[in-house]
Amino acid sequence: MPRPITPDDVDHARESALVGDPRTAAERFRAWATDARAYTLADGVSRAALLADAGEYFGYADDHDEAVRMFEAAIADGGPVAISPRVMLVRELFQAGRTEDAFALADELRRERSAGVTDYILLGSGFELIGENKQAQRWYAMGLRAIDSGSILASEFDYESLLIGRQRVRSNAGMPEDALDAAARAIMARHAQE
């Protein structure tokens, strides 16, 4: 009889992965998602989310090709996932050396304009990590505009994260400070005093 995988199992696996081997966690998530003979999924656990978790942990284990496969499988599944696997796939495509595919997917996401605040933060920080400051600034700025226009909801922390990220990449690119950069610096100074 297949073992049911519950939200508690998923939470425990994520916690264990923080101190354990990411490959082991990735393989566990992949097995839960793909081995229907051994596992069933309880309410609140989606196959797509498990595949995305597997992709994330394969990425941490530096197996970027397998991470790409897992995110592509999560996208194909179409089930509910907390963070868009398409957004996570952009990072893994870069890590797998598939730069053109990564830029193409990021452009597709930009044209759709259906991103949530987490997507803007992740895409901005992902581009920042690979030294693509212009692209990173673009995603941080688009997130700020989406919040300012009321297109997406965001917390104060999310807004500040986008603002500080934008300032950081502009500074790294040697761009002159503008009013938003000054606001970001004021926020960082305020947090430093707390």
N, C-alpha and C. Protein backbone atom coordinates (compact mmCIF):
# COMPACT_ATOMS: atom_id res chain seq x y z
N MET A 1 0.84 -1.19 0.00
CA MET A 1 0.00 0.00 0.00
C MET A 1 0.88 1.25 0.00
N PRO A 2 0.61 2.21 -0.91
CA PRO A 2 1.45 3.42 -0.97
C PRO A 2 1.37 4.25 0.31
N ARG A 3 2.48 4.83 0.67
CA ARG A 3 2.54 5.69 1.85
C ARG A 3 2.05 7.08 1.48
N PRO A 4 1.12 7.66 2.25
CA PRO A 4 0.68 9.02 1.95
C PRO A 4 1.72 10.05 2.38
N ILE A 5 1.95 11.02 1.53
CA ILE A 5 2.87 12.12 1.82
C ILE A 5 2.02 13.33 2.22
N THR A 6 2.23 13.82 3.43
CA THR A 6 1.44 14.91 3.98
C THR A 6 2.22 16.22 3.95
N PRO A 7 1.53 17.34 4.16
CA PRO A 7 2.26 18.61 4.28
C PRO A 7 3.32 18.57 5.38
N ASP A 8 3.05 17.85 6.47
CA ASP A 8 4.05 17.73 7.54
C ASP A 8 5.30 17.00 7.06
N ASP A 9 5.11 15.97 6.22
CA ASP A 9 6.27 15.26 5.65
C ASP A 9 7.12 16.22 4.82
N VAL A 10 6.45 17.05 4.02
CA VAL A 10 7.17 18.00 3.17
C VAL A 10 7.93 19.01 4.03
N ASP A 11 7.26 19.55 5.05
CA ASP A 11 7.92 20.51 5.94
C ASP A 11 9.13 19.88 6.63
N HIS A 12 8.96 18.65 7.10
CA HIS A 12 10.07 17.96 7.78
C HIS A 12 11.24 17.73 6.82
N ALA A 13 10.92 17.34 5.59
CA ALA A 13 11.99 17.11 4.59
C ALA A 13 12.74 18.40 4.30
N ARG A 14 12.03 19.51 4.22
CA ARG A 14 12.70 20.80 3.98
C ARG A 14 13.60 21.17 5.15
N GLU A 15 13.10 20.96 6.38
CA GLU A 15 13.91 21.27 7.57
C GLU A 15 15.15 20.39 7.62
N SER A 16 14.98 19.10 7.33
CA SER A 16 16.12 18.18 7.34
C SER A 16 17.16 18.56 6.29
N ALA A 17 16.69 19.07 5.17
CA ALA A 17 17.60 19.44 4.08
C ALA A 17 18.50 20.61 4.47
N LEU A 18 18.08 21.42 5.43
CA LEU A 18 18.89 22.56 5.85
C LEU A 18 20.21 22.11 6.47
N VAL A 19 20.21 20.94 7.10
CA VAL A 19 21.42 20.44 7.75
C VAL A 19 21.97 19.20 7.07
N GLY A 20 21.25 18.67 6.10
CA GLY A 20 21.67 17.45 5.43
C GLY A 20 22.18 17.70 4.03
N ASP A 21 22.24 16.62 3.28
CA ASP A 21 22.72 16.65 1.91
C ASP A 21 21.59 17.08 0.98
N PRO A 22 21.78 18.13 0.19
CA PRO A 22 20.70 18.58 -0.69
C PRO A 22 20.32 17.54 -1.75
N ARG A 23 21.28 16.73 -2.18
CA ARG A 23 20.96 15.69 -3.17
C ARG A 23 19.98 14.68 -2.59
N THR A 24 20.18 14.29 -1.34
CA THR A 24 19.27 13.34 -0.69
C THR A 24 17.87 13.93 -0.63
N ALA A 25 17.77 15.20 -0.27
CA ALA A 25 16.46 15.85 -0.23
C ALA A 25 15.84 15.89 -1.61
N ALA A 26 16.63 16.25 -2.62
CA ALA A 26 16.12 16.33 -3.99
C ALA A 26 15.59 14.98 -4.44
N GLU A 27 16.33 13.93 -4.17
CA GLU A 27 15.90 12.59 -4.58
C GLU A 27 14.64 12.16 -3.84
N ARG A 28 14.52 12.56 -2.57
CA ARG A 28 13.30 12.24 -1.81
C ARG A 28 12.10 12.95 -2.44
N PHE A 29 12.22 14.24 -2.72
CA PHE A 29 11.10 14.97 -3.32
C PHE A 29 10.74 14.38 -4.69
N ARG A 30 11.76 14.04 -5.48
CA ARG A 30 11.50 13.46 -6.80
C ARG A 30 10.77 12.13 -6.67
N ALA A 31 11.20 11.29 -5.74
CA ALA A 31 10.54 9.99 -5.54
C ALA A 31 9.09 10.18 -5.11
N TRP A 32 8.85 11.09 -4.17
CA TRP A 32 7.48 11.34 -3.73
C TRP A 32 6.59 11.77 -4.90
N ALA A 33 7.17 12.56 -5.80
CA ALA A 33 6.38 13.08 -6.93
C ALA A 33 6.17 12.05 -8.04
N THR A 34 7.10 11.12 -8.19
CA THR A 34 7.07 10.28 -9.38
C THR A 34 6.80 8.80 -9.12
N ASP A 35 6.94 8.33 -7.91
CA ASP A 35 6.76 6.90 -7.63
C ASP A 35 5.37 6.65 -7.04
N ALA A 36 4.38 6.52 -7.93
CA ALA A 36 2.99 6.35 -7.51
C ALA A 36 2.76 5.00 -6.82
N ARG A 37 3.62 4.02 -7.07
CA ARG A 37 3.46 2.73 -6.39
C ARG A 37 3.82 2.83 -4.91
N ALA A 38 4.79 3.67 -4.60
CA ALA A 38 5.27 3.77 -3.22
C ALA A 38 4.60 4.90 -2.43
N TYR A 39 4.12 5.94 -3.14
CA TYR A 39 3.62 7.13 -2.44
C TYR A 39 2.32 7.65 -3.06
N THR A 40 1.45 8.16 -2.19
CA THR A 40 0.29 8.92 -2.63
C THR A 40 0.41 10.30 -2.01
N LEU A 41 -0.26 11.27 -2.60
CA LEU A 41 -0.16 12.63 -2.10
C LEU A 41 -1.44 13.02 -1.37
N ALA A 42 -1.29 13.44 -0.12
CA ALA A 42 -2.41 13.87 0.68
C ALA A 42 -2.88 15.24 0.22
N ASP A 43 -4.05 15.65 0.70
CA ASP A 43 -4.54 17.00 0.40
C ASP A 43 -3.49 18.02 0.86
N GLY A 44 -3.28 19.02 0.05
CA GLY A 44 -2.32 20.06 0.38
C GLY A 44 -0.92 19.79 -0.13
N VAL A 45 -0.73 18.65 -0.81
CA VAL A 45 0.57 18.33 -1.39
C VAL A 45 0.35 18.11 -2.88
N SER A 46 1.01 18.92 -3.69
CA SER A 46 0.85 18.77 -5.14
C SER A 46 2.11 18.17 -5.75
N ARG A 47 1.90 17.39 -6.79
CA ARG A 47 3.02 16.78 -7.51
C ARG A 47 3.94 17.87 -8.05
N ALA A 48 3.35 18.94 -8.61
CA ALA A 48 4.15 20.03 -9.17
C ALA A 48 5.03 20.67 -8.11
N ALA A 49 4.48 20.87 -6.91
CA ALA A 49 5.27 21.49 -5.83
C ALA A 49 6.43 20.58 -5.42
N LEU A 50 6.19 19.26 -5.38
CA LEU A 50 7.28 18.34 -5.04
C LEU A 50 8.35 18.34 -6.11
N LEU A 51 7.95 18.39 -7.38
CA LEU A 51 8.92 18.46 -8.47
C LEU A 51 9.73 19.76 -8.38
N ALA A 52 9.06 20.86 -8.05
CA ALA A 52 9.78 22.13 -7.89
C ALA A 52 10.75 22.07 -6.72
N ASP A 53 10.33 21.44 -5.61
CA ASP A 53 11.25 21.26 -4.49
C ASP A 53 12.46 20.42 -4.91
N ALA A 54 12.20 19.36 -5.67
CA ALA A 54 13.30 18.53 -6.16
C ALA A 54 14.25 19.37 -7.02
N GLY A 55 13.69 20.20 -7.89
CA GLY A 55 14.51 21.08 -8.72
C GLY A 55 15.37 22.02 -7.89
N GLU A 56 14.76 22.59 -6.87
CA GLU A 56 15.50 23.52 -6.01
C GLU A 56 16.69 22.82 -5.35
N TYR A 57 16.45 21.64 -4.80
CA TYR A 57 17.53 20.95 -4.08
C TYR A 57 18.55 20.33 -5.02
N PHE A 58 18.14 19.90 -6.21
CA PHE A 58 19.15 19.47 -7.18
C PHE A 58 20.05 20.66 -7.54
N GLY A 59 19.45 21.85 -7.63
CA GLY A 59 20.25 23.05 -7.88
C GLY A 59 21.27 23.29 -6.77
N TYR A 60 20.83 23.14 -5.51
CA TYR A 60 21.75 23.30 -4.38
C TYR A 60 22.87 22.27 -4.42
N ALA A 61 22.57 21.09 -4.99
CA ALA A 61 23.57 20.03 -5.09
C ALA A 61 24.43 20.18 -6.34
N ASP A 62 24.27 21.29 -7.05
CA ASP A 62 25.03 21.59 -8.27
C ASP A 62 24.74 20.62 -9.42
N ASP A 63 23.59 19.98 -9.39
CA ASP A 63 23.16 19.15 -10.51
C ASP A 63 22.11 19.96 -11.29
N HIS A 64 22.60 20.94 -12.03
CA HIS A 64 21.70 21.91 -12.66
C HIS A 64 20.91 21.32 -13.82
N ASP A 65 21.47 20.34 -14.50
CA ASP A 65 20.71 19.69 -15.57
C ASP A 65 19.48 18.97 -15.01
N GLU A 66 19.66 18.28 -13.89
CA GLU A 66 18.52 17.58 -13.27
C GLU A 66 17.55 18.61 -12.68
N ALA A 67 18.07 19.70 -12.15
CA ALA A 67 17.20 20.76 -11.63
C ALA A 67 16.32 21.30 -12.76
N VAL A 68 16.91 21.53 -13.92
CA VAL A 68 16.14 22.00 -15.08
C VAL A 68 15.04 20.99 -15.41
N ARG A 69 15.38 19.70 -15.45
CA ARG A 69 14.37 18.67 -15.75
C ARG A 69 13.22 18.70 -14.75
N MET A 70 13.55 18.88 -13.47
CA MET A 70 12.51 18.89 -12.44
C MET A 70 11.60 20.11 -12.58
N PHE A 71 12.19 21.29 -12.83
CA PHE A 71 11.35 22.48 -13.01
C PHE A 71 10.50 22.37 -14.27
N GLU A 72 11.06 21.81 -15.33
CA GLU A 72 10.27 21.61 -16.56
C GLU A 72 9.12 20.63 -16.31
N ALA A 73 9.37 19.60 -15.50
CA ALA A 73 8.31 18.64 -15.16
C ALA A 73 7.23 19.32 -14.31
N ALA A 74 7.64 20.19 -13.38
CA ALA A 74 6.67 20.92 -12.56
C ALA A 74 5.80 21.82 -13.42
N ILE A 75 6.41 22.48 -14.39
CA ILE A 75 5.66 23.36 -15.30
C ILE A 75 4.68 22.52 -16.11
N ALA A 76 5.14 21.39 -16.64
CA ALA A 76 4.27 20.52 -17.45
C ALA A 76 3.12 19.98 -16.61
N ASP A 77 3.37 19.67 -15.35
CA ASP A 77 2.33 19.16 -14.47
C ASP A 77 1.21 20.19 -14.30
N GLY A 78 1.59 21.44 -14.11
CA GLY A 78 0.61 22.52 -13.99
C GLY A 78 -0.09 22.64 -12.66
N GLY A 79 0.27 21.83 -11.69
CA GLY A 79 -0.37 21.90 -10.38
C GLY A 79 0.09 23.11 -9.59
N PRO A 80 -0.54 23.32 -8.43
CA PRO A 80 -0.20 24.49 -7.61
C PRO A 80 1.21 24.41 -7.02
N VAL A 81 1.91 25.54 -7.10
CA VAL A 81 3.26 25.68 -6.57
C VAL A 81 3.36 27.06 -5.94
N ALA A 82 3.97 27.16 -4.78
CA ALA A 82 4.06 28.45 -4.08
C ALA A 82 4.85 29.48 -4.88
N ILE A 83 5.97 29.08 -5.45
CA ILE A 83 6.79 29.98 -6.26
C ILE A 83 6.82 29.43 -7.68
N SER A 84 6.59 30.27 -8.64
CA SER A 84 6.51 29.82 -10.03
C SER A 84 7.74 29.03 -10.44
N PRO A 85 7.54 27.78 -10.89
CA PRO A 85 8.70 27.02 -11.35
C PRO A 85 9.35 27.64 -12.59
N ARG A 86 8.62 28.44 -13.33
CA ARG A 86 9.21 29.12 -14.49
C ARG A 86 10.25 30.14 -14.03
N VAL A 87 9.96 30.82 -12.94
CA VAL A 87 10.91 31.78 -12.38
C VAL A 87 12.16 31.05 -11.90
N MET A 88 11.96 29.94 -11.19
CA MET A 88 13.11 29.17 -10.69
C MET A 88 13.90 28.56 -11.84
N LEU A 89 13.21 28.22 -12.92
CA LEU A 89 13.87 27.64 -14.08
C LEU A 89 14.86 28.61 -14.72
N VAL A 90 14.56 29.89 -14.70
CA VAL A 90 15.48 30.89 -15.27
C VAL A 90 16.85 30.75 -14.63
N ARG A 91 16.88 30.71 -13.31
CA ARG A 91 18.16 30.60 -12.59
C ARG A 91 18.89 29.32 -12.96
N GLU A 92 18.16 28.21 -13.00
CA GLU A 92 18.81 26.93 -13.29
C GLU A 92 19.29 26.83 -14.73
N LEU A 93 18.59 27.46 -15.65
CA LEU A 93 19.07 27.49 -17.03
C LEU A 93 20.42 28.20 -17.11
N PHE A 94 20.54 29.31 -16.39
CA PHE A 94 21.83 30.00 -16.34
C PHE A 94 22.90 29.07 -15.76
N GLN A 95 22.56 28.43 -14.64
CA GLN A 95 23.53 27.56 -13.97
C GLN A 95 23.93 26.38 -14.84
N ALA A 96 23.02 25.93 -15.70
CA ALA A 96 23.30 24.81 -16.59
C ALA A 96 24.02 25.25 -17.87
N GLY A 97 24.33 26.54 -17.97
CA GLY A 97 25.04 27.05 -19.14
C GLY A 97 24.14 27.33 -20.33
N ARG A 98 22.85 27.35 -20.11
CA ARG A 98 21.89 27.59 -21.20
C ARG A 98 21.43 29.06 -21.15
N THR A 99 22.37 29.95 -21.35
CA THR A 99 22.14 31.38 -21.19
C THR A 99 21.05 31.91 -22.11
N GLU A 100 21.09 31.53 -23.38
CA GLU A 100 20.08 32.03 -24.32
C GLU A 100 18.68 31.60 -23.91
N ASP A 101 18.53 30.35 -23.46
CA ASP A 101 17.23 29.86 -23.01
C ASP A 101 16.77 30.63 -21.77
N ALA A 102 17.70 30.93 -20.88
CA ALA A 102 17.35 31.66 -19.66
C ALA A 102 16.86 33.07 -19.99
N PHE A 103 17.59 33.77 -20.87
CA PHE A 103 17.15 35.12 -21.25
C PHE A 103 15.81 35.08 -21.98
N ALA A 104 15.61 34.07 -22.83
CA ALA A 104 14.35 33.96 -23.57
C ALA A 104 13.19 33.75 -22.61
N LEU A 105 13.35 32.88 -21.61
CA LEU A 105 12.29 32.64 -20.65
C LEU A 105 12.03 33.88 -19.80
N ALA A 106 13.09 34.58 -19.39
CA ALA A 106 12.91 35.81 -18.62
C ALA A 106 12.16 36.85 -19.44
N ASP A 107 12.48 36.97 -20.72
CA ASP A 107 11.76 37.91 -21.59
C ASP A 107 10.30 37.53 -21.73
N GLU A 108 10.04 36.23 -21.82
CA GLU A 108 8.66 35.76 -21.91
C GLU A 108 7.89 36.13 -20.64
N LEU A 109 8.51 35.92 -19.49
CA LEU A 109 7.88 36.28 -18.21
C LEU A 109 7.64 37.78 -18.13
N ARG A 110 8.60 38.56 -18.61
CA ARG A 110 8.45 40.03 -18.59
C ARG A 110 7.27 40.46 -19.45
N ARG A 111 7.13 39.88 -20.63
CA ARG A 111 6.04 40.26 -21.53
C ARG A 111 4.67 39.89 -20.96
N GLU A 112 4.61 38.80 -20.21
CA GLU A 112 3.34 38.36 -19.64
C GLU A 112 2.87 39.27 -18.52
N ARG A 113 3.78 39.88 -17.82
CA ARG A 113 3.47 40.80 -16.71
C ARG A 113 2.50 40.20 -15.70
N SER A 114 2.63 38.90 -15.45
CA SER A 114 1.75 38.26 -14.48
C SER A 114 2.49 37.84 -13.22
N ALA A 115 3.66 38.40 -13.02
CA ALA A 115 4.50 38.01 -11.89
C ALA A 115 3.95 38.54 -10.58
N GLY A 116 4.22 37.81 -9.51
CA GLY A 116 3.94 38.28 -8.16
C GLY A 116 5.20 38.92 -7.59
N VAL A 117 5.09 39.50 -6.43
CA VAL A 117 6.23 40.22 -5.86
C VAL A 117 7.44 39.30 -5.65
N THR A 118 7.20 38.06 -5.24
CA THR A 118 8.31 37.13 -5.04
C THR A 118 9.04 36.86 -6.35
N ASP A 119 8.28 36.79 -7.45
CA ASP A 119 8.90 36.56 -8.76
C ASP A 119 9.85 37.70 -9.11
N TYR A 120 9.42 38.93 -8.88
CA TYR A 120 10.29 40.08 -9.18
C TYR A 120 11.56 40.04 -8.33
N ILE A 121 11.40 39.71 -7.05
CA ILE A 121 12.56 39.65 -6.16
C ILE A 121 13.51 38.54 -6.60
N LEU A 122 12.96 37.36 -6.89
CA LEU A 122 13.81 36.23 -7.29
C LEU A 122 14.50 36.47 -8.62
N LEU A 123 13.79 37.02 -9.58
CA LEU A 123 14.43 37.28 -10.87
C LEU A 123 15.48 38.38 -10.75
N GLY A 124 15.17 39.43 -9.99
CA GLY A 124 16.17 40.47 -9.78
C GLY A 124 17.42 39.94 -9.10
N SER A 125 17.22 39.18 -8.03
CA SER A 125 18.39 38.65 -7.30
C SER A 125 19.12 37.60 -8.12
N GLY A 126 18.38 36.82 -8.92
CA GLY A 126 19.03 35.82 -9.77
C GLY A 126 19.94 36.46 -10.80
N PHE A 127 19.44 37.51 -11.46
CA PHE A 127 20.28 38.21 -12.42
C PHE A 127 21.45 38.90 -11.71
N GLU A 128 21.21 39.41 -10.52
CA GLU A 128 22.28 40.06 -9.77
C GLU A 128 23.40 39.06 -9.45
N LEU A 129 23.03 37.85 -9.07
CA LEU A 129 24.01 36.84 -8.70
C LEU A 129 24.94 36.47 -9.86
N ILE A 130 24.45 36.57 -11.08
CA ILE A 130 25.30 36.22 -12.22
C ILE A 130 25.95 37.45 -12.84
N GLY A 131 25.81 38.61 -12.16
CA GLY A 131 26.47 39.82 -12.62
C GLY A 131 25.76 40.56 -13.73
N GLU A 132 24.50 40.22 -13.98
CA GLU A 132 23.70 40.90 -15.00
C GLU A 132 22.95 42.07 -14.34
N ASN A 133 23.71 43.12 -14.01
CA ASN A 133 23.14 44.23 -13.24
C ASN A 133 22.01 44.95 -13.97
N LYS A 134 22.13 45.09 -15.28
CA LYS A 134 21.08 45.78 -16.04
C LYS A 134 19.76 45.01 -15.96
N GLN A 135 19.84 43.69 -16.16
CA GLN A 135 18.63 42.86 -16.07
C GLN A 135 18.10 42.85 -14.64
N ALA A 136 18.98 42.77 -13.66
CA ALA A 136 18.56 42.78 -12.26
C ALA A 136 17.83 44.07 -11.93
N GLN A 137 18.40 45.20 -12.36
CA GLN A 137 17.75 46.48 -12.10
C GLN A 137 16.36 46.52 -12.75
N ARG A 138 16.28 45.98 -13.95
CA ARG A 138 15.00 45.97 -14.66
C ARG A 138 13.92 45.24 -13.84
N TRP A 139 14.27 44.06 -13.31
CA TRP A 139 13.28 43.28 -12.56
C TRP A 139 12.94 43.95 -11.23
N TYR A 140 13.93 44.49 -10.54
CA TYR A 140 13.63 45.20 -9.30
C TYR A 140 12.73 46.41 -9.58
N ALA A 141 13.05 47.17 -10.61
CA ALA A 141 12.26 48.36 -10.95
C ALA A 141 10.85 47.99 -11.40
N MET A 142 10.71 46.92 -12.18
CA MET A 142 9.37 46.49 -12.60
C MET A 142 8.53 46.09 -11.40
N GLY A 143 9.15 45.43 -10.43
CA GLY A 143 8.43 45.07 -9.21
C GLY A 143 7.96 46.29 -8.45
N LEU A 144 8.83 47.29 -8.33
CA LEU A 144 8.45 48.53 -7.65
C LEU A 144 7.30 49.22 -8.37
N ARG A 145 7.38 49.28 -9.70
CA ARG A 145 6.29 49.91 -10.48
C ARG A 145 4.98 49.14 -10.32
N ALA A 146 5.06 47.82 -10.31
CA ALA A 146 3.85 47.01 -10.16
C ALA A 146 3.19 47.25 -8.80
N ILE A 147 4.01 47.39 -7.76
CA ILE A 147 3.47 47.69 -6.43
C ILE A 147 2.88 49.09 -6.42
N ASP A 148 3.63 50.07 -6.92
CA ASP A 148 3.17 51.46 -6.91
C ASP A 148 1.87 51.64 -7.69
N SER A 149 1.69 50.87 -8.75
CA SER A 149 0.47 50.99 -9.57
C SER A 149 -0.70 50.22 -8.99
N GLY A 150 -0.43 49.40 -7.98
CA GLY A 150 -1.49 48.59 -7.40
C GLY A 150 -1.74 47.29 -8.14
N SER A 151 -0.89 46.97 -9.11
CA SER A 151 -1.05 45.74 -9.89
C SER A 151 -0.81 44.49 -9.04
N ILE A 152 0.07 44.60 -8.05
CA ILE A 152 0.34 43.47 -7.16
C ILE A 152 0.35 43.98 -5.72
N LEU A 153 0.05 43.08 -4.81
CA LEU A 153 0.12 43.40 -3.39
C LEU A 153 1.48 42.99 -2.85
N ALA A 154 1.96 43.77 -1.91
CA ALA A 154 3.26 43.46 -1.33
C ALA A 154 3.33 44.03 0.07
N SER A 155 4.15 43.40 0.88
CA SER A 155 4.38 43.91 2.23
C SER A 155 5.42 45.03 2.17
N GLU A 156 5.57 45.73 3.27
CA GLU A 156 6.61 46.77 3.35
C GLU A 156 7.99 46.15 3.17
N PHE A 157 8.17 44.95 3.73
CA PHE A 157 9.45 44.25 3.60
C PHE A 157 9.75 43.95 2.13
N ASP A 158 8.74 43.47 1.38
CA ASP A 158 8.93 43.18 -0.04
C ASP A 158 9.33 44.45 -0.80
N TYR A 159 8.62 45.54 -0.52
CA TYR A 159 8.91 46.80 -1.21
C TYR A 159 10.34 47.23 -0.91
N GLU A 160 10.72 47.17 0.36
CA GLU A 160 12.08 47.56 0.74
C GLU A 160 13.12 46.64 0.10
N SER A 161 12.82 45.35 0.00
CA SER A 161 13.76 44.41 -0.63
C SER A 161 14.01 44.78 -2.09
N LEU A 162 12.94 45.12 -2.80
CA LEU A 162 13.08 45.53 -4.20
C LEU A 162 13.86 46.84 -4.31
N LEU A 163 13.53 47.78 -3.43
CA LEU A 163 14.18 49.09 -3.46
C LEU A 163 15.68 48.97 -3.17
N ILE A 164 16.01 48.18 -2.15
CA ILE A 164 17.42 47.99 -1.78
C ILE A 164 18.16 47.20 -2.86
N GLY A 165 17.51 46.19 -3.43
CA GLY A 165 18.13 45.44 -4.52
C GLY A 165 18.43 46.34 -5.70
N ARG A 166 17.47 47.18 -6.05
CA ARG A 166 17.67 48.13 -7.16
C ARG A 166 18.87 49.03 -6.88
N GLN A 167 18.94 49.57 -5.68
CA GLN A 167 20.05 50.46 -5.32
C GLN A 167 21.38 49.73 -5.40
N ARG A 168 21.39 48.48 -4.92
CA ARG A 168 22.63 47.72 -4.89
C ARG A 168 23.18 47.47 -6.30
N VAL A 169 22.30 47.06 -7.23
CA VAL A 169 22.80 46.78 -8.58
C VAL A 169 23.17 48.06 -9.31
N ARG A 170 22.45 49.13 -9.04
CA ARG A 170 22.82 50.42 -9.66
C ARG A 170 24.19 50.86 -9.15
N SER A 171 24.44 50.67 -7.87
CA SER A 171 25.74 51.02 -7.30
C SER A 171 26.83 50.14 -7.90
N ASN A 172 26.56 48.83 -8.00
CA ASN A 172 27.54 47.90 -8.58
C ASN A 172 27.86 48.24 -10.03
N ALA A 173 26.87 48.80 -10.73
CA ALA A 173 27.08 49.16 -12.14
C ALA A 173 27.67 50.55 -12.30
N GLY A 174 27.93 51.26 -11.17
CA GLY A 174 28.52 52.58 -11.22
C GLY A 174 27.57 53.67 -11.69
N MET A 175 26.27 53.46 -11.51
CA MET A 175 25.29 54.45 -11.95
C MET A 175 25.16 55.55 -10.90
N PRO A 176 24.86 56.76 -11.31
CA PRO A 176 24.70 57.84 -10.34
C PRO A 176 23.47 57.62 -9.47
N GLU A 177 23.58 58.04 -8.22
CA GLU A 177 22.47 57.86 -7.28
C GLU A 177 21.28 58.72 -7.66
N ASP A 178 20.08 58.14 -7.57
CA ASP A 178 18.85 58.90 -7.80
C ASP A 178 18.04 58.92 -6.51
N ALA A 179 16.83 59.47 -6.55
CA ALA A 179 16.01 59.61 -5.35
C ALA A 179 15.65 58.25 -4.75
N LEU A 180 15.38 57.25 -5.58
CA LEU A 180 15.06 55.92 -5.05
C LEU A 180 16.27 55.28 -4.38
N ASP A 181 17.45 55.52 -4.94
CA ASP A 181 18.67 55.01 -4.30
C ASP A 181 18.86 55.66 -2.93
N ALA A 182 18.62 56.95 -2.86
CA ALA A 182 18.75 57.66 -1.57
C ALA A 182 17.75 57.10 -0.56
N ALA A 183 16.52 56.81 -1.01
CA ALA A 183 15.51 56.23 -0.12
C ALA A 183 15.96 54.86 0.37
N ALA A 184 16.56 54.07 -0.52
CA ALA A 184 17.06 52.74 -0.13
C ALA A 184 18.16 52.87 0.90
N ARG A 185 19.06 53.83 0.71
CA ARG A 185 20.14 54.04 1.68
C ARG A 185 19.58 54.45 3.04
N ALA A 186 18.55 55.28 3.04
CA ALA A 186 17.92 55.71 4.30
C ALA A 186 17.30 54.51 5.01
N ILE A 187 16.67 53.62 4.27
CA ILE A 187 16.08 52.41 4.86
C ILE A 187 17.17 51.54 5.47
N MET A 188 18.27 51.35 4.73
CA MET A 188 19.37 50.52 5.25
C MET A 188 19.96 51.14 6.51
N ALA A 189 20.08 52.46 6.53
CA ALA A 189 20.63 53.13 7.71
C ALA A 189 19.68 52.96 8.90
N ARG A 190 18.38 53.08 8.65
CA ARG A 190 17.39 52.92 9.72
C ARG A 190 17.45 51.50 10.29
N HIS A 191 17.54 50.49 9.41
CA HIS A 191 17.62 49.11 9.88
C HIS A 191 18.92 48.84 10.65
N ALA A 192 19.99 49.49 10.25
CA ALA A 192 21.27 49.31 10.94
C ALA A 192 21.21 49.82 12.37
N GLN A 193 20.36 50.81 12.61
CA GLN A 193 20.24 51.39 13.95
C GLN A 193 19.29 50.62 14.83
N GLU A 194 18.45 49.77 14.24
CA GLU A 194 17.45 49.04 15.04
C GLU A 194 18.05 47.90 15.82
